[in-house]
Amino acid sequence: MDTSLFKEINSLAVTISWANPIFKFFAVYAVFLFGPLTLLSWWFARRATRPVQAVAAAIWTAFGTLITVALNQLIAHGVGRLRPYYSIKHVNLLVAKAHDFSFPSDHATTAGAVTAGLFIVSVLGSRKNRVIAFISLALALVISFSRVYVGAHYPGDVTAGLIIGAAIVTLGWKLIHLPLEHLIGMIAQNRSLSPLVVANREPSHTQSTKNLS
């Protein structure tokens, strides 16, 4: 079933060839957009009602994703599944051949990890953090579909990648959030470093003066 679904999706590269450059961009380059999304999420987390917790989640999103990708390499070598173009004839390959293993997809694992982390931030953060999380989710789905479209992965590879990425980051947060929040809280108490955790806000008496005027 994985092979037949791969062929159906990959055949779209012929039937809607005008879209090939779009899906190739998402398959190859769009994964780098998760970095700015994570950075932007941290920026708005500083303005949350609970900035220490929200910023801790944003930081874990970045480091948790790196840990997840490293663990994914171990899984890939353990499974040893070949790329579709090494096993199936007449694949519509739109990207350069890779020589690493196919399952799980690194791109999808990264997407799942970042998206799960950004949703954790969104629960603790502001409305803008929620918007960023949903943008990340949409991007993750498009990237995963694109990796199959261009012939680089089976649907099972990207589905597993999304699940593994999200699971590791979510479970990791449950294990590490208390000591990480304590560390971020200590940073927030440092006058010179506190802007990294809490955005500058106007003192309440200044706001009251403005309201009176």
N, C-alpha and C. Protein backbone atom coordinates (compact mmCIF):
# COMPACT_ATOMS: atom_id res chain seq x y z
N MET A 1 0.83 -1.20 0.00
CA MET A 1 0.00 0.00 0.00
C MET A 1 0.87 1.26 0.00
N ASP A 2 1.97 1.22 0.73
CA ASP A 2 2.87 2.37 0.77
C ASP A 2 3.44 2.65 -0.61
N THR A 3 3.79 1.58 -1.33
CA THR A 3 4.35 1.73 -2.67
C THR A 3 3.32 2.26 -3.65
N SER A 4 2.10 1.72 -3.60
CA SER A 4 1.06 2.16 -4.53
C SER A 4 0.68 3.62 -4.28
N LEU A 5 0.62 4.02 -3.00
CA LEU A 5 0.31 5.41 -2.69
C LEU A 5 1.45 6.32 -3.13
N PHE A 6 2.68 5.85 -2.97
CA PHE A 6 3.83 6.62 -3.45
C PHE A 6 3.70 6.87 -4.95
N LYS A 7 3.37 5.84 -5.71
CA LYS A 7 3.27 5.96 -7.16
C LYS A 7 2.18 6.95 -7.56
N GLU A 8 1.06 6.92 -6.85
CA GLU A 8 -0.04 7.84 -7.16
C GLU A 8 0.38 9.29 -6.94
N ILE A 9 1.03 9.56 -5.81
CA ILE A 9 1.45 10.93 -5.51
C ILE A 9 2.58 11.37 -6.43
N ASN A 10 3.54 10.49 -6.64
CA ASN A 10 4.69 10.82 -7.47
C ASN A 10 4.30 11.03 -8.94
N SER A 11 3.24 10.36 -9.38
CA SER A 11 2.78 10.52 -10.76
C SER A 11 2.22 11.91 -11.02
N LEU A 12 1.88 12.64 -9.95
CA LEU A 12 1.38 14.00 -10.12
C LEU A 12 2.45 14.91 -10.73
N ALA A 13 3.72 14.51 -10.59
CA ALA A 13 4.80 15.29 -11.18
C ALA A 13 4.71 15.33 -12.69
N VAL A 14 3.94 14.40 -13.27
CA VAL A 14 3.72 14.38 -14.72
C VAL A 14 2.41 15.07 -15.06
N THR A 15 1.36 14.77 -14.31
CA THR A 15 0.03 15.31 -14.64
C THR A 15 -0.10 16.80 -14.32
N ILE A 16 0.59 17.28 -13.30
CA ILE A 16 0.56 18.72 -12.99
C ILE A 16 2.00 19.25 -12.93
N SER A 17 2.71 19.03 -14.00
CA SER A 17 4.13 19.37 -14.04
C SER A 17 4.40 20.86 -13.79
N TRP A 18 3.39 21.72 -14.03
CA TRP A 18 3.57 23.15 -13.79
C TRP A 18 3.86 23.44 -12.30
N ALA A 19 3.43 22.51 -11.42
CA ALA A 19 3.63 22.70 -9.98
C ALA A 19 4.97 22.15 -9.48
N ASN A 20 5.73 21.51 -10.36
CA ASN A 20 6.98 20.88 -9.94
C ASN A 20 7.95 21.84 -9.24
N PRO A 21 8.18 23.04 -9.78
CA PRO A 21 9.11 23.95 -9.09
C PRO A 21 8.64 24.33 -7.67
N ILE A 22 7.32 24.43 -7.49
CA ILE A 22 6.78 24.78 -6.17
C ILE A 22 7.06 23.67 -5.17
N PHE A 23 6.71 22.44 -5.56
CA PHE A 23 6.91 21.31 -4.65
C PHE A 23 8.39 21.00 -4.45
N LYS A 24 9.19 21.26 -5.46
CA LYS A 24 10.63 21.06 -5.30
C LYS A 24 11.19 22.04 -4.27
N PHE A 25 10.71 23.28 -4.31
CA PHE A 25 11.16 24.26 -3.32
C PHE A 25 10.80 23.81 -1.91
N PHE A 26 9.55 23.37 -1.72
CA PHE A 26 9.12 22.94 -0.39
C PHE A 26 9.86 21.68 0.05
N ALA A 27 10.16 20.79 -0.90
CA ALA A 27 10.84 19.55 -0.56
C ALA A 27 12.28 19.76 -0.15
N VAL A 28 12.93 20.77 -0.72
CA VAL A 28 14.36 20.95 -0.51
C VAL A 28 14.67 22.07 0.47
N TYR A 29 14.02 23.22 0.29
CA TYR A 29 14.44 24.42 1.01
C TYR A 29 13.52 24.86 2.15
N ALA A 30 12.25 24.49 2.11
CA ALA A 30 11.30 25.03 3.08
C ALA A 30 11.58 24.60 4.51
N VAL A 31 12.33 23.51 4.69
CA VAL A 31 12.64 23.06 6.05
C VAL A 31 13.44 24.11 6.81
N PHE A 32 14.17 24.96 6.08
CA PHE A 32 14.96 26.00 6.73
C PHE A 32 14.09 27.12 7.30
N LEU A 33 12.81 27.15 6.95
CA LEU A 33 11.90 28.16 7.48
C LEU A 33 11.54 27.90 8.94
N PHE A 34 11.78 26.67 9.40
CA PHE A 34 11.45 26.36 10.79
C PHE A 34 12.35 27.11 11.77
N GLY A 35 13.56 27.44 11.33
CA GLY A 35 14.45 28.21 12.19
C GLY A 35 13.89 29.59 12.51
N PRO A 36 13.54 30.39 11.48
CA PRO A 36 12.92 31.69 11.75
C PRO A 36 11.61 31.59 12.51
N LEU A 37 10.81 30.55 12.26
CA LEU A 37 9.56 30.39 12.98
C LEU A 37 9.81 30.16 14.47
N THR A 38 10.82 29.36 14.79
CA THR A 38 11.16 29.11 16.18
C THR A 38 11.68 30.37 16.85
N LEU A 39 12.51 31.12 16.13
CA LEU A 39 13.04 32.37 16.67
C LEU A 39 11.92 33.38 16.90
N LEU A 40 10.99 33.44 15.96
CA LEU A 40 9.85 34.35 16.10
C LEU A 40 8.96 33.93 17.27
N SER A 41 8.83 32.64 17.45
CA SER A 41 8.02 32.14 18.57
C SER A 41 8.65 32.54 19.91
N TRP A 42 9.97 32.43 20.00
CA TRP A 42 10.65 32.88 21.23
C TRP A 42 10.42 34.37 21.46
N TRP A 43 10.49 35.17 20.39
CA TRP A 43 10.33 36.62 20.51
C TRP A 43 8.97 36.97 21.12
N PHE A 44 7.92 36.33 20.65
CA PHE A 44 6.59 36.62 21.16
C PHE A 44 6.33 35.93 22.51
N ALA A 45 7.04 34.83 22.77
CA ALA A 45 6.89 34.16 24.07
C ALA A 45 7.31 35.07 25.21
N ARG A 46 8.23 35.99 24.94
CA ARG A 46 8.69 36.93 25.96
C ARG A 46 7.58 37.87 26.42
N ARG A 47 6.52 37.98 25.64
CA ARG A 47 5.41 38.87 25.96
C ARG A 47 4.21 38.11 26.53
N ALA A 48 4.40 36.84 26.79
CA ALA A 48 3.30 36.01 27.30
C ALA A 48 3.00 36.32 28.75
N THR A 49 1.86 35.85 29.22
CA THR A 49 1.49 36.00 30.63
C THR A 49 2.46 35.24 31.52
N ARG A 50 2.92 34.08 31.03
CA ARG A 50 3.91 33.28 31.76
C ARG A 50 5.17 33.17 30.89
N PRO A 51 5.93 34.23 30.80
CA PRO A 51 7.06 34.26 29.87
C PRO A 51 8.13 33.23 30.18
N VAL A 52 8.39 32.95 31.45
CA VAL A 52 9.44 31.98 31.79
C VAL A 52 9.12 30.62 31.19
N GLN A 53 7.88 30.16 31.37
CA GLN A 53 7.47 28.86 30.85
C GLN A 53 7.44 28.86 29.32
N ALA A 54 6.93 29.95 28.73
CA ALA A 54 6.82 30.02 27.28
C ALA A 54 8.19 30.07 26.62
N VAL A 55 9.10 30.86 27.19
CA VAL A 55 10.46 30.95 26.63
C VAL A 55 11.19 29.61 26.80
N ALA A 56 10.99 28.96 27.92
CA ALA A 56 11.60 27.63 28.12
C ALA A 56 11.13 26.66 27.05
N ALA A 57 9.84 26.71 26.71
CA ALA A 57 9.30 25.83 25.66
C ALA A 57 9.89 26.17 24.30
N ALA A 58 10.09 27.46 24.03
CA ALA A 58 10.68 27.87 22.75
C ALA A 58 12.12 27.39 22.64
N ILE A 59 12.87 27.48 23.73
CA ILE A 59 14.26 27.01 23.73
C ILE A 59 14.31 25.50 23.57
N TRP A 60 13.39 24.80 24.25
CA TRP A 60 13.35 23.35 24.10
C TRP A 60 12.98 22.96 22.67
N THR A 61 12.15 23.74 22.01
CA THR A 61 11.80 23.46 20.62
C THR A 61 13.05 23.37 19.76
N ALA A 62 13.96 24.33 19.95
CA ALA A 62 15.19 24.36 19.16
C ALA A 62 16.10 23.18 19.51
N PHE A 63 16.41 23.02 20.80
CA PHE A 63 17.34 21.97 21.20
C PHE A 63 16.71 20.58 21.08
N GLY A 64 15.42 20.49 21.37
CA GLY A 64 14.74 19.21 21.24
C GLY A 64 14.71 18.72 19.80
N THR A 65 14.58 19.63 18.87
CA THR A 65 14.59 19.25 17.46
C THR A 65 15.95 18.70 17.05
N LEU A 66 17.03 19.34 17.51
CA LEU A 66 18.37 18.84 17.20
C LEU A 66 18.58 17.44 17.77
N ILE A 67 18.12 17.22 18.99
CA ILE A 67 18.23 15.89 19.61
C ILE A 67 17.41 14.87 18.82
N THR A 68 16.22 15.28 18.40
CA THR A 68 15.33 14.39 17.66
C THR A 68 15.94 13.97 16.33
N VAL A 69 16.53 14.92 15.62
CA VAL A 69 17.16 14.59 14.32
C VAL A 69 18.32 13.63 14.52
N ALA A 70 19.08 13.81 15.59
CA ALA A 70 20.19 12.89 15.87
C ALA A 70 19.67 11.49 16.17
N LEU A 71 18.62 11.39 16.96
CA LEU A 71 18.02 10.08 17.25
C LEU A 71 17.43 9.46 16.01
N ASN A 72 16.92 10.30 15.12
CA ASN A 72 16.32 9.81 13.88
C ASN A 72 17.36 9.09 13.02
N GLN A 73 18.59 9.58 13.07
CA GLN A 73 19.66 8.93 12.30
C GLN A 73 19.88 7.50 12.79
N LEU A 74 19.80 7.31 14.09
CA LEU A 74 19.97 5.96 14.65
C LEU A 74 18.83 5.05 14.20
N ILE A 75 17.62 5.59 14.20
CA ILE A 75 16.46 4.80 13.77
C ILE A 75 16.61 4.43 12.30
N ALA A 76 17.01 5.40 11.48
CA ALA A 76 17.14 5.17 10.03
C ALA A 76 18.17 4.07 9.74
N HIS A 77 19.29 4.11 10.43
CA HIS A 77 20.31 3.09 10.21
C HIS A 77 19.85 1.73 10.74
N GLY A 78 19.03 1.74 11.78
CA GLY A 78 18.51 0.49 12.30
C GLY A 78 17.51 -0.17 11.37
N VAL A 79 16.68 0.65 10.72
CA VAL A 79 15.66 0.11 9.79
C VAL A 79 16.29 -0.21 8.44
N GLY A 80 17.09 0.73 7.92
CA GLY A 80 17.80 0.49 6.66
C GLY A 80 16.92 0.40 5.43
N ARG A 81 15.89 1.20 5.35
CA ARG A 81 15.00 1.17 4.18
C ARG A 81 15.59 2.01 3.06
N LEU A 82 15.64 1.45 1.85
CA LEU A 82 16.19 2.15 0.70
C LEU A 82 15.22 3.21 0.19
N ARG A 83 15.76 4.22 -0.45
CA ARG A 83 14.94 5.25 -1.07
C ARG A 83 14.10 4.64 -2.19
N PRO A 84 12.96 5.26 -2.52
CA PRO A 84 12.08 4.70 -3.55
C PRO A 84 12.77 4.51 -4.90
N TYR A 85 13.63 5.45 -5.28
CA TYR A 85 14.25 5.36 -6.60
C TYR A 85 15.30 4.25 -6.71
N TYR A 86 15.64 3.63 -5.60
CA TYR A 86 16.52 2.47 -5.64
C TYR A 86 15.74 1.16 -5.69
N SER A 87 14.44 1.24 -5.43
CA SER A 87 13.61 0.03 -5.36
C SER A 87 12.51 -0.02 -6.42
N ILE A 88 12.14 1.14 -6.96
CA ILE A 88 11.02 1.21 -7.91
C ILE A 88 11.52 1.75 -9.24
N LYS A 89 11.06 1.18 -10.31
CA LYS A 89 11.44 1.66 -11.63
C LYS A 89 10.58 2.87 -12.02
N HIS A 90 11.15 3.73 -12.83
CA HIS A 90 10.44 4.87 -13.43
C HIS A 90 9.87 5.84 -12.37
N VAL A 91 10.68 6.17 -11.38
CA VAL A 91 10.29 7.18 -10.41
C VAL A 91 10.54 8.57 -11.02
N ASN A 92 9.58 9.46 -10.83
CA ASN A 92 9.74 10.84 -11.30
C ASN A 92 10.55 11.61 -10.24
N LEU A 93 11.84 11.56 -10.36
CA LEU A 93 12.73 12.15 -9.37
C LEU A 93 13.05 13.59 -9.74
N LEU A 94 12.65 14.52 -8.87
CA LEU A 94 12.84 15.95 -9.14
C LEU A 94 13.99 16.56 -8.34
N VAL A 95 14.62 15.75 -7.49
CA VAL A 95 15.73 16.25 -6.67
C VAL A 95 16.93 15.31 -6.85
N ALA A 96 18.07 15.77 -6.38
CA ALA A 96 19.27 14.94 -6.46
C ALA A 96 19.13 13.70 -5.59
N LYS A 97 19.73 12.61 -6.04
CA LYS A 97 19.67 11.37 -5.27
C LYS A 97 20.45 11.51 -3.98
N ALA A 98 19.86 10.98 -2.91
CA ALA A 98 20.55 10.91 -1.62
C ALA A 98 20.96 9.47 -1.37
N HIS A 99 22.02 9.28 -0.61
CA HIS A 99 22.53 7.93 -0.39
C HIS A 99 22.28 7.44 1.04
N ASP A 100 21.54 8.24 1.82
CA ASP A 100 21.18 7.78 3.15
C ASP A 100 19.87 7.01 3.07
N PHE A 101 19.40 6.52 4.21
CA PHE A 101 18.20 5.69 4.22
C PHE A 101 16.93 6.54 4.19
N SER A 102 15.84 5.89 3.86
CA SER A 102 14.58 6.59 3.58
C SER A 102 13.66 6.73 4.78
N PHE A 103 13.72 5.78 5.71
CA PHE A 103 12.76 5.74 6.83
C PHE A 103 13.47 5.95 8.15
N PRO A 104 13.00 6.91 8.95
CA PRO A 104 11.99 7.94 8.68
C PRO A 104 12.62 9.14 7.97
N SER A 105 11.81 9.97 7.39
CA SER A 105 12.29 11.16 6.70
C SER A 105 12.84 12.19 7.68
N ASP A 106 14.08 12.64 7.43
CA ASP A 106 14.66 13.69 8.28
C ASP A 106 13.86 14.98 8.20
N HIS A 107 13.43 15.32 6.99
CA HIS A 107 12.65 16.55 6.81
C HIS A 107 11.35 16.50 7.60
N ALA A 108 10.65 15.37 7.50
CA ALA A 108 9.38 15.23 8.22
C ALA A 108 9.59 15.16 9.73
N THR A 109 10.67 14.52 10.15
CA THR A 109 10.97 14.44 11.58
C THR A 109 11.24 15.83 12.14
N THR A 110 12.02 16.62 11.40
CA THR A 110 12.27 18.00 11.81
C THR A 110 10.97 18.79 11.88
N ALA A 111 10.14 18.63 10.86
CA ALA A 111 8.86 19.34 10.82
C ALA A 111 7.96 18.96 11.98
N GLY A 112 7.89 17.66 12.28
CA GLY A 112 7.06 17.21 13.39
C GLY A 112 7.57 17.69 14.73
N ALA A 113 8.90 17.69 14.89
CA ALA A 113 9.50 18.12 16.15
C ALA A 113 9.26 19.61 16.40
N VAL A 114 9.54 20.43 15.40
CA VAL A 114 9.37 21.87 15.56
C VAL A 114 7.91 22.21 15.79
N THR A 115 7.03 21.61 15.01
CA THR A 115 5.61 21.92 15.13
C THR A 115 5.07 21.55 16.50
N ALA A 116 5.45 20.39 17.01
CA ALA A 116 5.01 19.99 18.35
C ALA A 116 5.53 20.98 19.39
N GLY A 117 6.80 21.38 19.25
CA GLY A 117 7.36 22.35 20.18
C GLY A 117 6.65 23.68 20.14
N LEU A 118 6.33 24.14 18.94
CA LEU A 118 5.67 25.43 18.81
C LEU A 118 4.23 25.40 19.33
N PHE A 119 3.60 24.25 19.28
CA PHE A 119 2.27 24.14 19.89
C PHE A 119 2.36 24.15 21.42
N ILE A 120 3.44 23.60 21.95
CA ILE A 120 3.65 23.69 23.40
C ILE A 120 3.83 25.16 23.79
N VAL A 121 4.63 25.88 23.00
CA VAL A 121 4.82 27.31 23.26
C VAL A 121 3.49 28.05 23.17
N SER A 122 2.67 27.66 22.20
CA SER A 122 1.40 28.37 21.98
C SER A 122 0.45 28.22 23.17
N VAL A 123 0.51 27.09 23.86
CA VAL A 123 -0.33 26.89 25.04
C VAL A 123 0.09 27.82 26.16
N LEU A 124 1.39 28.06 26.26
CA LEU A 124 1.94 28.89 27.34
C LEU A 124 2.10 30.34 26.93
N GLY A 125 2.09 30.60 25.62
CA GLY A 125 2.42 31.92 25.12
C GLY A 125 1.22 32.77 24.75
N SER A 126 1.43 33.59 23.74
CA SER A 126 0.43 34.57 23.34
C SER A 126 -0.36 34.09 22.13
N ARG A 127 -1.29 34.91 21.69
CA ARG A 127 -2.08 34.58 20.50
C ARG A 127 -1.20 34.47 19.27
N LYS A 128 -0.18 35.31 19.20
CA LYS A 128 0.73 35.25 18.06
C LYS A 128 1.49 33.94 18.03
N ASN A 129 1.78 33.38 19.20
CA ASN A 129 2.43 32.07 19.24
C ASN A 129 1.53 30.99 18.66
N ARG A 130 0.23 31.11 18.86
CA ARG A 130 -0.71 30.14 18.30
C ARG A 130 -0.74 30.24 16.78
N VAL A 131 -0.68 31.45 16.27
CA VAL A 131 -0.65 31.65 14.81
C VAL A 131 0.60 31.00 14.23
N ILE A 132 1.73 31.20 14.88
CA ILE A 132 3.00 30.62 14.41
C ILE A 132 2.93 29.10 14.42
N ALA A 133 2.31 28.53 15.45
CA ALA A 133 2.19 27.07 15.54
C ALA A 133 1.38 26.51 14.38
N PHE A 134 0.30 27.17 14.03
CA PHE A 134 -0.52 26.68 12.91
C PHE A 134 0.17 26.88 11.57
N ILE A 135 0.95 27.94 11.44
CA ILE A 135 1.75 28.12 10.22
C ILE A 135 2.75 26.97 10.10
N SER A 136 3.37 26.62 11.22
CA SER A 136 4.31 25.51 11.24
C SER A 136 3.64 24.19 10.86
N LEU A 137 2.43 23.98 11.35
CA LEU A 137 1.70 22.76 11.03
C LEU A 137 1.42 22.68 9.53
N ALA A 138 0.96 23.78 8.94
CA ALA A 138 0.69 23.80 7.50
C ALA A 138 1.97 23.53 6.72
N LEU A 139 3.05 24.16 7.15
CA LEU A 139 4.34 23.98 6.48
C LEU A 139 4.81 22.53 6.59
N ALA A 140 4.63 21.94 7.75
CA ALA A 140 5.04 20.55 7.97
C ALA A 140 4.31 19.60 7.03
N LEU A 141 3.02 19.82 6.85
CA LEU A 141 2.22 18.95 5.99
C LEU A 141 2.61 19.11 4.52
N VAL A 142 2.85 20.35 4.10
CA VAL A 142 3.23 20.59 2.70
C VAL A 142 4.61 20.00 2.42
N ILE A 143 5.54 20.18 3.34
CA ILE A 143 6.87 19.61 3.16
C ILE A 143 6.81 18.09 3.07
N SER A 144 6.05 17.47 3.94
CA SER A 144 5.94 16.01 3.95
C SER A 144 5.34 15.50 2.64
N PHE A 145 4.29 16.16 2.18
CA PHE A 145 3.70 15.77 0.89
C PHE A 145 4.70 15.97 -0.24
N SER A 146 5.44 17.06 -0.19
CA SER A 146 6.39 17.38 -1.25
C SER A 146 7.51 16.36 -1.34
N ARG A 147 7.94 15.84 -0.20
CA ARG A 147 9.02 14.85 -0.20
C ARG A 147 8.61 13.57 -0.94
N VAL A 148 7.32 13.25 -0.90
CA VAL A 148 6.80 12.11 -1.66
C VAL A 148 6.62 12.51 -3.12
N TYR A 149 6.09 13.69 -3.34
CA TYR A 149 5.84 14.20 -4.70
C TYR A 149 7.10 14.18 -5.54
N VAL A 150 8.22 14.62 -4.97
CA VAL A 150 9.47 14.72 -5.74
C VAL A 150 10.20 13.39 -5.86
N GLY A 151 9.68 12.34 -5.21
CA GLY A 151 10.25 11.01 -5.35
C GLY A 151 11.30 10.65 -4.33
N ALA A 152 11.44 11.44 -3.25
CA ALA A 152 12.51 11.21 -2.28
C ALA A 152 12.12 10.24 -1.16
N HIS A 153 10.80 10.11 -0.89
CA HIS A 153 10.35 9.29 0.24
C HIS A 153 9.03 8.60 -0.07
N TYR A 154 8.79 7.52 0.64
CA TYR A 154 7.48 6.88 0.66
C TYR A 154 6.57 7.65 1.63
N PRO A 155 5.25 7.55 1.44
CA PRO A 155 4.33 8.18 2.40
C PRO A 155 4.57 7.71 3.84
N GLY A 156 4.90 6.43 4.01
CA GLY A 156 5.17 5.92 5.35
C GLY A 156 6.38 6.56 6.00
N ASP A 157 7.35 6.96 5.17
CA ASP A 157 8.56 7.61 5.71
C ASP A 157 8.22 8.96 6.34
N VAL A 158 7.42 9.74 5.65
CA VAL A 158 7.11 11.08 6.15
C VAL A 158 6.09 11.02 7.29
N THR A 159 5.16 10.08 7.21
CA THR A 159 4.19 9.92 8.30
C THR A 159 4.89 9.53 9.59
N ALA A 160 5.81 8.57 9.49
CA ALA A 160 6.57 8.15 10.66
C ALA A 160 7.44 9.29 11.18
N GLY A 161 8.02 10.06 10.26
CA GLY A 161 8.86 11.18 10.67
C GLY A 161 8.09 12.21 11.47
N LEU A 162 6.90 12.55 11.00
CA LEU A 162 6.07 13.52 11.72
C LEU A 162 5.73 13.02 13.12
N ILE A 163 5.36 11.75 13.21
CA ILE A 163 4.96 11.18 14.50
C ILE A 163 6.15 11.08 15.45
N ILE A 164 7.28 10.60 14.94
CA ILE A 164 8.47 10.44 15.78
C ILE A 164 8.96 11.80 16.27
N GLY A 165 9.01 12.78 15.37
CA GLY A 165 9.46 14.11 15.75
C GLY A 165 8.57 14.72 16.83
N ALA A 166 7.27 14.64 16.63
CA ALA A 166 6.33 15.21 17.60
C ALA A 166 6.39 14.47 18.93
N ALA A 167 6.52 13.14 18.88
CA ALA A 167 6.52 12.34 20.10
C ALA A 167 7.75 12.62 20.96
N ILE A 168 8.93 12.68 20.34
CA ILE A 168 10.16 12.88 21.10
C ILE A 168 10.18 14.26 21.76
N VAL A 169 9.78 15.29 21.01
CA VAL A 169 9.78 16.63 21.57
C VAL A 169 8.75 16.76 22.69
N THR A 170 7.58 16.16 22.51
CA THR A 170 6.54 16.24 23.53
C THR A 170 6.94 15.50 24.80
N LEU A 171 7.45 14.28 24.64
CA LEU A 171 7.88 13.51 25.81
C LEU A 171 9.09 14.16 26.49
N GLY A 172 10.00 14.69 25.66
CA GLY A 172 11.17 15.36 26.21
C GLY A 172 10.80 16.57 27.03
N TRP A 173 9.78 17.30 26.59
CA TRP A 173 9.33 18.48 27.34
C TRP A 173 8.79 18.08 28.70
N LYS A 174 8.06 16.99 28.75
CA LYS A 174 7.52 16.53 30.03
C LYS A 174 8.63 16.17 31.01
N LEU A 175 9.75 15.69 30.49
CA LEU A 175 10.86 15.28 31.34
C LEU A 175 11.73 16.45 31.77
N ILE A 176 11.87 17.43 30.89
CA ILE A 176 12.88 18.48 31.12
C ILE A 176 12.30 19.83 31.52
N HIS A 177 10.98 20.00 31.45
CA HIS A 177 10.44 21.35 31.57
C HIS A 177 10.69 21.99 32.94
N LEU A 178 10.65 21.21 34.00
CA LEU A 178 10.85 21.80 35.33
C LEU A 178 12.27 22.34 35.53
N PRO A 179 13.32 21.55 35.28
CA PRO A 179 14.66 22.13 35.43
C PRO A 179 14.95 23.23 34.41
N LEU A 180 14.39 23.12 33.22
CA LEU A 180 14.61 24.16 32.21
C LEU A 180 13.92 25.46 32.61
N GLU A 181 12.71 25.36 33.12
CA GLU A 181 12.00 26.55 33.58
C GLU A 181 12.73 27.20 34.75
N HIS A 182 13.31 26.37 35.62
CA HIS A 182 14.09 26.92 36.75
C HIS A 182 15.29 27.69 36.23
N LEU A 183 15.98 27.15 35.23
CA LEU A 183 17.13 27.82 34.64
C LEU A 183 16.73 29.14 33.98
N ILE A 184 15.64 29.11 33.22
CA ILE A 184 15.18 30.33 32.55
C ILE A 184 14.73 31.35 33.59
N GLY A 185 14.15 30.89 34.68
CA GLY A 185 13.75 31.80 35.75
C GLY A 185 14.95 32.50 36.36
N MET A 186 16.05 31.78 36.51
CA MET A 186 17.28 32.39 37.03
C MET A 186 17.82 33.44 36.07
N ILE A 187 17.73 33.15 34.78
CA ILE A 187 18.18 34.12 33.77
C ILE A 187 17.32 35.37 33.83
N ALA A 188 16.02 35.17 34.03
CA ALA A 188 15.09 36.31 34.09
C ALA A 188 15.39 37.24 35.26
N GLN A 189 15.98 36.69 36.30
CA GLN A 189 16.30 37.51 37.47
C GLN A 189 17.58 38.32 37.28
N ASN A 190 18.35 37.98 36.26
CA ASN A 190 19.57 38.73 35.97
C ASN A 190 19.20 39.97 35.17
N ARG A 191 19.56 41.13 35.67
CA ARG A 191 19.11 42.38 35.06
C ARG A 191 19.55 42.51 33.61
N SER A 192 20.78 42.12 33.32
CA SER A 192 21.29 42.28 31.96
C SER A 192 20.76 41.22 30.99
N LEU A 193 20.37 40.07 31.52
CA LEU A 193 19.89 38.98 30.66
C LEU A 193 18.38 38.86 30.62
N SER A 194 17.69 39.54 31.52
CA SER A 194 16.23 39.40 31.61
C SER A 194 15.48 39.72 30.31
N PRO A 195 15.98 40.66 29.45
CA PRO A 195 15.26 40.89 28.19
C PRO A 195 15.18 39.66 27.28
N LEU A 196 16.05 38.67 27.52
CA LEU A 196 15.97 37.43 26.75
C LEU A 196 14.75 36.61 27.13
N VAL A 197 14.21 36.88 28.31
CA VAL A 197 13.08 36.10 28.83
C VAL A 197 11.80 36.91 28.88
N VAL A 198 11.91 38.16 29.30
CA VAL A 198 10.72 39.00 29.46
C VAL A 198 10.91 40.27 28.64
N ALA A 199 9.94 40.54 27.77
CA ALA A 199 10.00 41.75 26.95
C ALA A 199 9.79 42.97 27.84
N ASN A 200 10.45 44.06 27.48
CA ASN A 200 10.29 45.29 28.25
C ASN A 200 8.84 45.75 28.20
N ARG A 201 8.31 45.99 29.37
CA ARG A 201 6.93 46.48 29.47
C ARG A 201 6.94 47.81 30.21
N GLU A 202 5.99 48.66 29.87
CA GLU A 202 5.89 49.94 30.57
C GLU A 202 5.43 49.71 32.00
N PRO A 203 6.00 50.40 32.96
CA PRO A 203 5.52 50.27 34.34
C PRO A 203 4.05 50.60 34.44
N SER A 204 3.38 49.97 35.40
CA SER A 204 1.93 50.15 35.53
C SER A 204 1.56 51.59 35.79
N HIS A 205 2.41 52.36 36.54
CA HIS A 205 2.05 53.75 36.84
C HIS A 205 2.10 54.60 35.58
N THR A 206 3.00 54.23 34.64
CA THR A 206 3.08 54.97 33.37
C THR A 206 1.83 54.75 32.55
N GLN A 207 1.37 53.46 32.53
CA GLN A 207 0.16 53.13 31.79
C GLN A 207 -1.04 53.85 32.40
N SER A 208 -1.06 53.93 33.74
CA SER A 208 -2.20 54.61 34.40
C SER A 208 -2.21 56.08 34.05
N THR A 209 -1.01 56.71 33.97
CA THR A 209 -0.93 58.12 33.60
C THR A 209 -1.46 58.34 32.20
N LYS A 210 -1.11 57.40 31.29
CA LYS A 210 -1.59 57.53 29.92
C LYS A 210 -3.12 57.40 29.87
N ASN A 211 -3.66 56.47 30.67
CA ASN A 211 -5.10 56.30 30.67
C ASN A 211 -5.82 57.54 31.19
N LEU A 212 -5.23 58.19 32.20
CA LEU A 212 -5.85 59.40 32.76
C LEU A 212 -5.81 60.55 31.77
N SER A 213 -4.70 60.59 31.00
CA SER A 213 -4.59 61.69 30.03
C SER A 213 -5.50 61.46 28.83
